C-alpha atoms as a PDB file:
ATOM      1  CA  LEU A   1       2.680  19.819   2.181  1.00  0.00           C
ATOM      2  CA  ASP A   2       3.192  16.039   1.604  1.00  0.00           C
ATOM      3  CA  PHE A   3       0.290  14.051   0.406  1.00  0.00           C
ATOM      4  CA  ASN A   4       2.383  10.659   0.213  1.00  0.00           C
ATOM      5  CA  PRO A   5       0.530   8.358   2.812  1.00  0.00           C
ATOM      6  CA  SER A   6       3.770   7.104   3.972  1.00  0.00           C
ATOM      7  CA  SER A   7       5.112  10.686   5.075  1.00  0.00           C
ATOM      8  CA  GLN A   8       4.963  11.810   8.626  1.00  0.00           C
ATOM      9  CA  HIS A   9       3.310  14.939   7.223  1.00  0.00           C
ATOM     10  CA  PHE A  10       0.396  13.369   5.448  1.00  0.00           C
ATOM     11  CA  GLU A  11      -2.479  14.080   7.875  1.00  0.00           C
ATOM     12  CA  ALA A  12      -0.985  17.688   8.720  1.00  0.00           C
ATOM     13  CA  SER A  13      -0.859  18.119   4.979  1.00  0.00           C
ATOM     14  CA  PHE A  14      -4.614  17.308   4.368  1.00  0.00           C
ATOM     15  CA  ALA A  15      -5.717  19.225   7.357  1.00  0.00           C
ATOM     16  CA  TYR A  16      -3.979  22.292   5.984  1.00  0.00           C
ATOM     17  CA  TYR A  17      -5.331  21.760   2.380  1.00  0.00           C
ATOM     18  CA  LEU A  18      -9.033  20.986   3.506  1.00  0.00           C
ATOM     19  CA  ASN A  19      -9.064  24.246   5.717  1.00  0.00           C
ATOM     20  CA  ALA A  20      -7.509  26.186   2.684  1.00  0.00           C
ATOM     21  CA  CYS A  21     -10.477  24.983   0.363  1.00  0.00           C
ATOM     22  CA  ALA A  22     -12.905  26.108   3.256  1.00  0.00           C
ATOM     23  CA  ARG A  23     -11.242  29.468   3.595  1.00  0.00           C
ATOM     24  CA  MET A  24     -11.667  29.854  -0.197  1.00  0.00           C
ATOM     25  CA  GLY A  25     -15.341  29.047  -0.075  1.00  0.00           C
ATOM     26  CA  PHE A  26     -15.177  25.693  -1.517  1.00  0.00           C
ATOM     27  CA  ASP A  27     -17.886  23.388  -0.410  1.00  0.00           C
ATOM     28  CA  HIS A  28     -15.733  20.240  -0.550  1.00  0.00           C
ATOM     29  CA  GLY A  29     -12.145  19.009  -0.697  1.00  0.00           C
ATOM     30  CA  THR A  30     -10.772  15.997  -2.286  1.00  0.00           C
ATOM     31  CA  ILE A  31      -8.826  13.203  -0.455  1.00  0.00           C
ATOM     32  CA  ASN A  32      -6.821  10.245  -1.566  1.00  0.00           C
ATOM     33  CA  ILE A  33      -8.042   6.653  -2.143  1.00  0.00           C
ATOM     34  CA  CYS A  34      -5.643   5.347   0.643  1.00  0.00           C
ATOM     35  CA  GLY A  35      -3.892   2.246  -0.146  1.00  0.00           C
ATOM     36  CA  PHE A  36      -4.803   2.115  -3.838  1.00  0.00           C
ATOM     37  CA  GLY A  37      -1.702   2.295  -5.836  1.00  0.00           C
ATOM     38  CA  GLY A  38      -3.139   2.759  -9.166  1.00  0.00           C
ATOM     39  CA  PHE A  39      -1.748   1.298 -12.513  1.00  0.00           C
ATOM     40  CA  PRO A  40       2.132   1.625 -12.352  1.00  0.00           C
ATOM     41  CA  ALA A  41       3.503   2.684 -15.852  1.00  0.00           C
ATOM     42  CA  LYS A  42       7.168   2.770 -16.826  1.00  0.00           C
ATOM     43  CA  SER A  43       8.880   5.952 -16.209  1.00  0.00           C
ATOM     44  CA  HIS A  44       9.136   7.927 -19.656  1.00  0.00           C
ATOM     45  CA  GLY A  45      12.201  10.184 -18.524  1.00  0.00           C
ATOM     46  CA  VAL A  46      10.391  13.605 -18.565  1.00  0.00           C
ATOM     47  CA  PRO A  47      10.010  16.144 -15.845  1.00  0.00           C
ATOM     48  CA  GLY A  48       6.731  15.958 -13.882  1.00  0.00           C
ATOM     49  CA  THR A  49       5.845  19.449 -15.166  1.00  0.00           C
ATOM     50  CA  VAL A  50       5.626  18.143 -18.765  1.00  0.00           C
ATOM     51  CA  ARG A  51       2.072  16.695 -19.869  1.00  0.00           C
ATOM     52  CA  ASN A  52       2.580  13.947 -22.081  1.00  0.00           C
ATOM     53  CA  PHE A  53       1.635  10.310 -22.841  1.00  0.00           C
ATOM     54  CA  VAL A  54       4.092   7.569 -22.679  1.00  0.00           C
ATOM     55  CA  THR A  55       5.827   6.799 -25.880  1.00  0.00           C
ATOM     56  CA  CYS A  56       5.497   3.307 -27.726  1.00  0.00           C
ATOM     57  CA  GLU A  57       9.067   2.222 -26.469  1.00  0.00           C
ATOM     58  CA  ASP A  58       8.288   2.870 -22.935  1.00  0.00           C
ATOM     59  CA  ALA A  59       5.067   1.075 -22.747  1.00  0.00           C
ATOM     60  CA  SER A  60       4.425  -1.431 -19.858  1.00  0.00           C
ATOM     61  CA  ILE A  61       2.308  -3.533 -21.797  1.00  0.00           C
ATOM     62  CA  ARG A  62       3.309  -4.568 -25.615  1.00  0.00           C
ATOM     63  CA  ASP A  63       1.768  -8.046 -25.991  1.00  0.00           C
ATOM     64  CA  GLU A  64      -0.259 -10.610 -24.148  1.00  0.00           C
ATOM     65  CA  ALA A  65       2.805 -11.892 -22.096  1.00  0.00           C
ATOM     66  CA  ASP A  66       3.029  -8.348 -20.709  1.00  0.00           C
ATOM     67  CA  PHE A  67      -0.603  -8.316 -19.936  1.00  0.00           C
ATOM     68  CA  ASP A  68      -0.443 -11.562 -18.024  1.00  0.00           C
ATOM     69  CA  SER A  69       2.638 -10.497 -15.988  1.00  0.00           C
ATOM     70  CA  TYR A  70       1.530  -7.085 -15.304  1.00  0.00           C
ATOM     71  CA  PRO A  71       0.781  -6.206 -11.399  1.00  0.00           C
ATOM     72  CA  TRP A  72      -2.847  -5.367 -11.827  1.00  0.00           C
ATOM     73  CA  PRO A  73      -4.078  -3.470  -8.753  1.00  0.00           C
ATOM     74  CA  SER A  74      -7.093  -4.451  -6.779  1.00  0.00           C
ATOM     75  CA  ALA A  75      -9.789  -2.564  -4.854  1.00  0.00           C
ATOM     76  CA  ASN A  76      -9.015  -4.868  -1.839  1.00  0.00           C
ATOM     77  CA  THR A  77      -6.046  -2.854  -0.856  1.00  0.00           C
ATOM     78  CA  ILE A  78      -7.917   0.311  -0.270  1.00  0.00           C
ATOM     79  CA  ASN A  79      -7.451   1.402   3.482  1.00  0.00           C
ATOM     80  CA  THR A  80     -11.009   2.583   4.365  1.00  0.00           C
ATOM     81  CA  ASP A  81      -9.773   3.589   7.744  1.00  0.00           C
ATOM     82  CA  ALA A  82      -7.105   5.815   6.709  1.00  0.00           C
ATOM     83  CA  MET A  83      -9.703   7.328   4.263  1.00  0.00           C
ATOM     84  CA  GLU A  84     -12.014   8.113   7.163  1.00  0.00           C
ATOM     85  CA  ARG A  85      -9.178   9.524   9.476  1.00  0.00           C
ATOM     86  CA  THR A  86      -8.391  11.895   6.435  1.00  0.00           C
ATOM     87  CA  ALA A  87     -11.876  12.865   5.799  1.00  0.00           C
ATOM     88  CA  ARG A  88     -12.213  13.947   9.558  1.00  0.00           C
ATOM     89  CA  LEU A  89      -9.721  16.412   8.876  1.00  0.00           C
ATOM     90  CA  ALA A  90     -12.161  18.515   6.994  1.00  0.00           C
ATOM     91  CA  PRO A  91     -13.853  21.515   8.700  1.00  0.00           C
ATOM     92  CA  GLU A  92     -17.402  21.046  10.172  1.00  0.00           C
ATOM     93  CA  GLY A  93     -19.956  20.985   7.325  1.00  0.00           C
ATOM     94  CA  MET A  94     -17.542  20.453   4.464  1.00  0.00           C
ATOM     95  CA  GLY A  95     -17.947  17.681   2.057  1.00  0.00           C
ATOM     96  CA  VAL A  96     -15.322  15.365   1.039  1.00  0.00           C
ATOM     97  CA  LEU A  97     -14.813  13.695  -2.518  1.00  0.00           C
ATOM     98  CA  THR A  98     -12.419  11.188  -3.503  1.00  0.00           C
ATOM     99  CA  GLY A  99     -11.421   9.952  -6.998  1.00  0.00           C
ATOM    100  CA  GLY A 100      -9.434   8.111  -9.443  1.00  0.00           C
ATOM    101  CA  PRO A 101      -8.300   7.715 -13.081  1.00  0.00           C
ATOM    102  CA  ALA A 102     -10.709   7.070 -15.930  1.00  0.00           C
ATOM    103  CA  VAL A 103      -9.860   4.328 -18.601  1.00  0.00           C
ATOM    104  CA  PHE A 104      -8.432   6.041 -21.484  1.00  0.00           C
ATOM    105  CA  GLN A 105      -5.613   7.839 -19.929  1.00  0.00           C
ATOM    106  CA  THR A 106      -4.654   4.787 -17.873  1.00  0.00           C
ATOM    107  CA  ALA A 107      -4.712   2.763 -21.050  1.00  0.00           C
ATOM    108  CA  CYS A 108      -2.445   5.095 -22.679  1.00  0.00           C
ATOM    109  CA  ALA A 109      -0.234   5.105 -19.640  1.00  0.00           C
ATOM    110  CA  LEU A 110       0.236   1.331 -20.021  1.00  0.00           C
ATOM    111  CA  LEU A 111       0.093   0.776 -23.813  1.00  0.00           C
ATOM    112  CA  GLY A 112       1.636   4.080 -24.604  1.00  0.00           C
ATOM    113  CA  TYR A 113      -0.194   6.626 -26.901  1.00  0.00           C
ATOM    114  CA  ASN A 114       1.784   5.482 -29.977  1.00  0.00           C
ATOM    115  CA  GLY A 115       0.995   1.909 -28.880  1.00  0.00           C
ATOM    116  CA  ILE A 116      -2.673   2.224 -28.427  1.00  0.00           C
ATOM    117  CA  ALA A 117      -2.946   3.910 -31.839  1.00  0.00           C
ATOM    118  CA  MET A 118      -1.250   1.143 -33.496  1.00  0.00           C
ATOM    119  CA  MET A 119      -2.788  -1.580 -31.578  1.00  0.00           C
ATOM    120  CA  LEU A 120      -6.233  -0.369 -32.431  1.00  0.00           C
ATOM    121  CA  TYR A 121      -5.327  -1.461 -35.735  1.00  0.00           C
ATOM    122  CA  GLU A 122      -2.944  -4.370 -35.437  1.00  0.00           C
ATOM    123  CA  ASN A 123      -4.228  -5.806 -32.061  1.00  0.00           C
ATOM    124  CA  PRO A 124      -7.561  -4.619 -31.134  1.00  0.00           C
ATOM    125  CA  GLU A 125      -8.248  -7.503 -28.837  1.00  0.00           C
ATOM    126  CA  LEU A 126      -5.484  -6.672 -26.693  1.00  0.00           C
ATOM    127  CA  VAL A 127      -6.562  -2.969 -26.276  1.00  0.00           C
ATOM    128  CA  ARG A 128     -10.010  -4.563 -25.434  1.00  0.00           C
ATOM    129  CA  ARG A 129      -8.557  -6.764 -22.604  1.00  0.00           C
ATOM    130  CA  VAL A 130      -6.502  -3.875 -21.225  1.00  0.00           C
ATOM    131  CA  VAL A 131      -9.395  -1.360 -21.184  1.00  0.00           C
ATOM    132  CA  ASP A 132     -11.676  -4.064 -19.672  1.00  0.00           C
ATOM    133  CA  ARG A 133      -9.335  -4.905 -16.883  1.00  0.00           C
ATOM    134  CA  ILE A 134      -8.759  -1.217 -16.165  1.00  0.00           C
ATOM    135  CA  GLY A 135     -12.386  -0.619 -16.311  1.00  0.00           C
ATOM    136  CA  GLU A 136     -13.380  -3.760 -14.069  1.00  0.00           C
ATOM    137  CA  THR A 137     -11.085  -2.572 -11.394  1.00  0.00           C
ATOM    138  CA  MET A 138     -12.075   0.972 -11.241  1.00  0.00           C
ATOM    139  CA  ALA A 139     -15.639   0.115 -11.236  1.00  0.00           C
ATOM    140  CA  GLU A 140     -14.983  -1.950  -8.102  1.00  0.00           C
ATOM    141  CA  VAL A 141     -12.936   1.101  -6.602  1.00  0.00           C
ATOM    142  CA  PHE A 142     -15.568   3.469  -7.413  1.00  0.00           C
ATOM    143  CA  ASP A 143     -18.394   1.284  -6.052  1.00  0.00           C
ATOM    144  CA  LEU A 144     -16.487   0.934  -2.724  1.00  0.00           C
ATOM    145  CA  VAL A 145     -15.557   4.493  -2.107  1.00  0.00           C
ATOM    146  CA  ALA A 146     -18.862   5.683  -2.979  1.00  0.00           C
ATOM    147  CA  SER A 147     -20.506   3.195  -0.365  1.00  0.00           C
ATOM    148  CA  MET A 148     -18.361   5.255   2.333  1.00  0.00           C
ATOM    149  CA  PRO A 149     -20.735   7.373   4.311  1.00  0.00           C
ATOM    150  CA  PHE A 150     -18.119  10.239   4.576  1.00  0.00           C
ATOM    151  CA  ILE A 151     -17.667  10.318   0.854  1.00  0.00           C
ATOM    152  CA  GLN A 152     -20.101  12.732  -0.908  1.00  0.00           C
ATOM    153  CA  GLY A 153     -18.971  12.004  -4.597  1.00  0.00           C
ATOM    154  CA  VAL A 154     -16.392  10.703  -6.744  1.00  0.00           C
ATOM    155  CA  LEU A 155     -13.860  12.752  -9.162  1.00  0.00           C
ATOM    156  CA  ILE A 156     -13.055  10.565 -12.354  1.00  0.00           C
ATOM    157  CA  THR A 157     -10.143  12.002 -14.186  1.00  0.00           C
ATOM    158  CA  GLY A 158      -8.823  11.460 -17.570  1.00  0.00           C
ATOM    159  CA  ASP A 159      -7.815  13.403 -20.637  1.00  0.00           C
ATOM    160  CA  MET A 160      -9.464  12.141 -24.001  1.00  0.00           C
ATOM    161  CA  GLY A 161      -8.586  14.902 -26.293  1.00  0.00           C
ATOM    162  CA  PHE A 162      -7.342  18.471 -26.629  1.00  0.00           C
ATOM    163  CA  LYS A 163      -8.722  21.544 -27.984  1.00  0.00           C
ATOM    164  CA  THR A 164      -8.484  20.367 -31.725  1.00  0.00           C
ATOM    165  CA  GLY A 165     -10.117  16.954 -31.276  1.00  0.00           C
ATOM    166  CA  THR A 166     -10.013  13.691 -29.449  1.00  0.00           C
ATOM    167  CA  PHE A 167      -6.918  11.517 -29.134  1.00  0.00           C
ATOM    168  CA  ILE A 168      -8.420   8.569 -30.988  1.00  0.00           C
ATOM    169  CA  SER A 169     -11.324   8.352 -33.096  1.00  0.00           C
ATOM    170  CA  PRO A 170     -14.922   9.092 -31.314  1.00  0.00           C
ATOM    171  CA  GLU A 171     -16.070   5.984 -32.584  1.00  0.00           C
ATOM    172  CA  ASP A 172     -13.499   4.068 -30.575  1.00  0.00           C
ATOM    173  CA  LEU A 173     -14.190   6.280 -27.569  1.00  0.00           C
ATOM    174  CA  ARG A 174     -17.880   5.249 -27.679  1.00  0.00           C
ATOM    175  CA  ARG A 175     -17.260   1.518 -28.372  1.00  0.00           C
ATOM    176  CA  LEU A 176     -14.314   0.995 -25.781  1.00  0.00           C
ATOM    177  CA  PHE A 177     -14.317   3.667 -23.197  1.00  0.00           C
ATOM    178  CA  PHE A 178     -17.671   5.324 -22.785  1.00  0.00           C
ATOM    179  CA  PRO A 179     -19.406   2.146 -21.632  1.00  0.00           C
ATOM    180  CA  TRP A 180     -17.057   2.138 -18.635  1.00  0.00           C
ATOM    181  CA  HIS A 181     -17.822   5.697 -17.951  1.00  0.00           C
ATOM    182  CA  ARG A 182     -21.643   4.627 -17.809  1.00  0.00           C
ATOM    183  CA  LYS A 183     -20.815   1.768 -15.295  1.00  0.00           C
ATOM    184  CA  PHE A 184     -18.564   4.019 -13.203  1.00  0.00           C
ATOM    185  CA  ASN A 185     -21.607   6.511 -12.977  1.00  0.00           C
ATOM    186  CA  GLU A 186     -23.967   3.548 -12.210  1.00  0.00           C
ATOM    187  CA  ALA A 187     -21.859   2.204  -9.409  1.00  0.00           C
ATOM    188  CA  VAL A 188     -21.508   5.691  -7.643  1.00  0.00           C
ATOM    189  CA  HIS A 189     -25.260   6.700  -8.260  1.00  0.00           C
ATOM    190  CA  ARG A 190     -26.426   3.347  -6.560  1.00  0.00           C
ATOM    191  CA  HIS A 191     -25.029   4.811  -3.358  1.00  0.00           C
ATOM    192  CA  GLY A 192     -26.735   8.164  -4.019  1.00  0.00           C
ATOM    193  CA  LYS A 193     -23.505  10.021  -4.423  1.00  0.00           C
ATOM    194  CA  CYS A 194     -22.513  12.333  -7.401  1.00  0.00           C
ATOM    195  CA  THR A 195     -19.760  11.797 -10.061  1.00  0.00           C
ATOM    196  CA  ILE A 196     -17.657  14.594 -11.512  1.00  0.00           C
ATOM    197  CA  LEU A 197     -15.672  13.939 -14.923  1.00  0.00           C
ATOM    198  CA  HIS A 198     -12.540  15.975 -15.171  1.00  0.00           C
ATOM    199  CA  SER A 199     -11.335  15.697 -18.630  1.00  0.00           C
END
C-alpha cells in the first residue's frame, strides 16, 4: 500500500483500505486532504517509529526572521477533484472522513518542544504568531473540506499531553490553543458535519 498521492498505487491503495474498513465493520474510512502539504518541519534524525517532538536545535522557527521566511501552506492548494475521486472508492453506504493536524502538535513541530517551552516565557508573542498562523490556515482547510458533499466529518489530530499530564500548562492550552479548537468545530459544524478530536 502506498498512500502518497504521487504514487501509481495511490487509488488502488485507498480502494483496498476503504474496503478493508468496510469488511471490519467500520461505518467510515478516512482519506487524505489531497494537495495540502501541511507544515513542513526540519527532519530530526530519528526513525519514523519513534514518537517524539522536535528538539530546540532542529526547530524550523526560532525567531521572527524564520517566521517571515517560512513557507506557510494554504488551503488554496487543496485538490478537491482528487479528494472526490478517492471518496468514490468507498463501498456503497460507507461514509468518508478527512482530517488534519491541530495547532499544538504542529506548533511543537515548527518551534521544537524545548523551543515552545522556552518561548512561552522569553518570546510569547512569537508563539502567539505561530499558533495563530497555523490556526487560521487550518480553520480555512477544515471549512473547505467540510463543505464537500462527500465528506461526512473531519478528524482533527494532535497530542497535547501524556498519561501524567499536559505538555504545557493547562492555562496556556486554554489561552492559546483551545480557542482554535472552538473555531475548527464551528467551521465544520456550519456545514452540518461532525468533528472528532484524536489526541
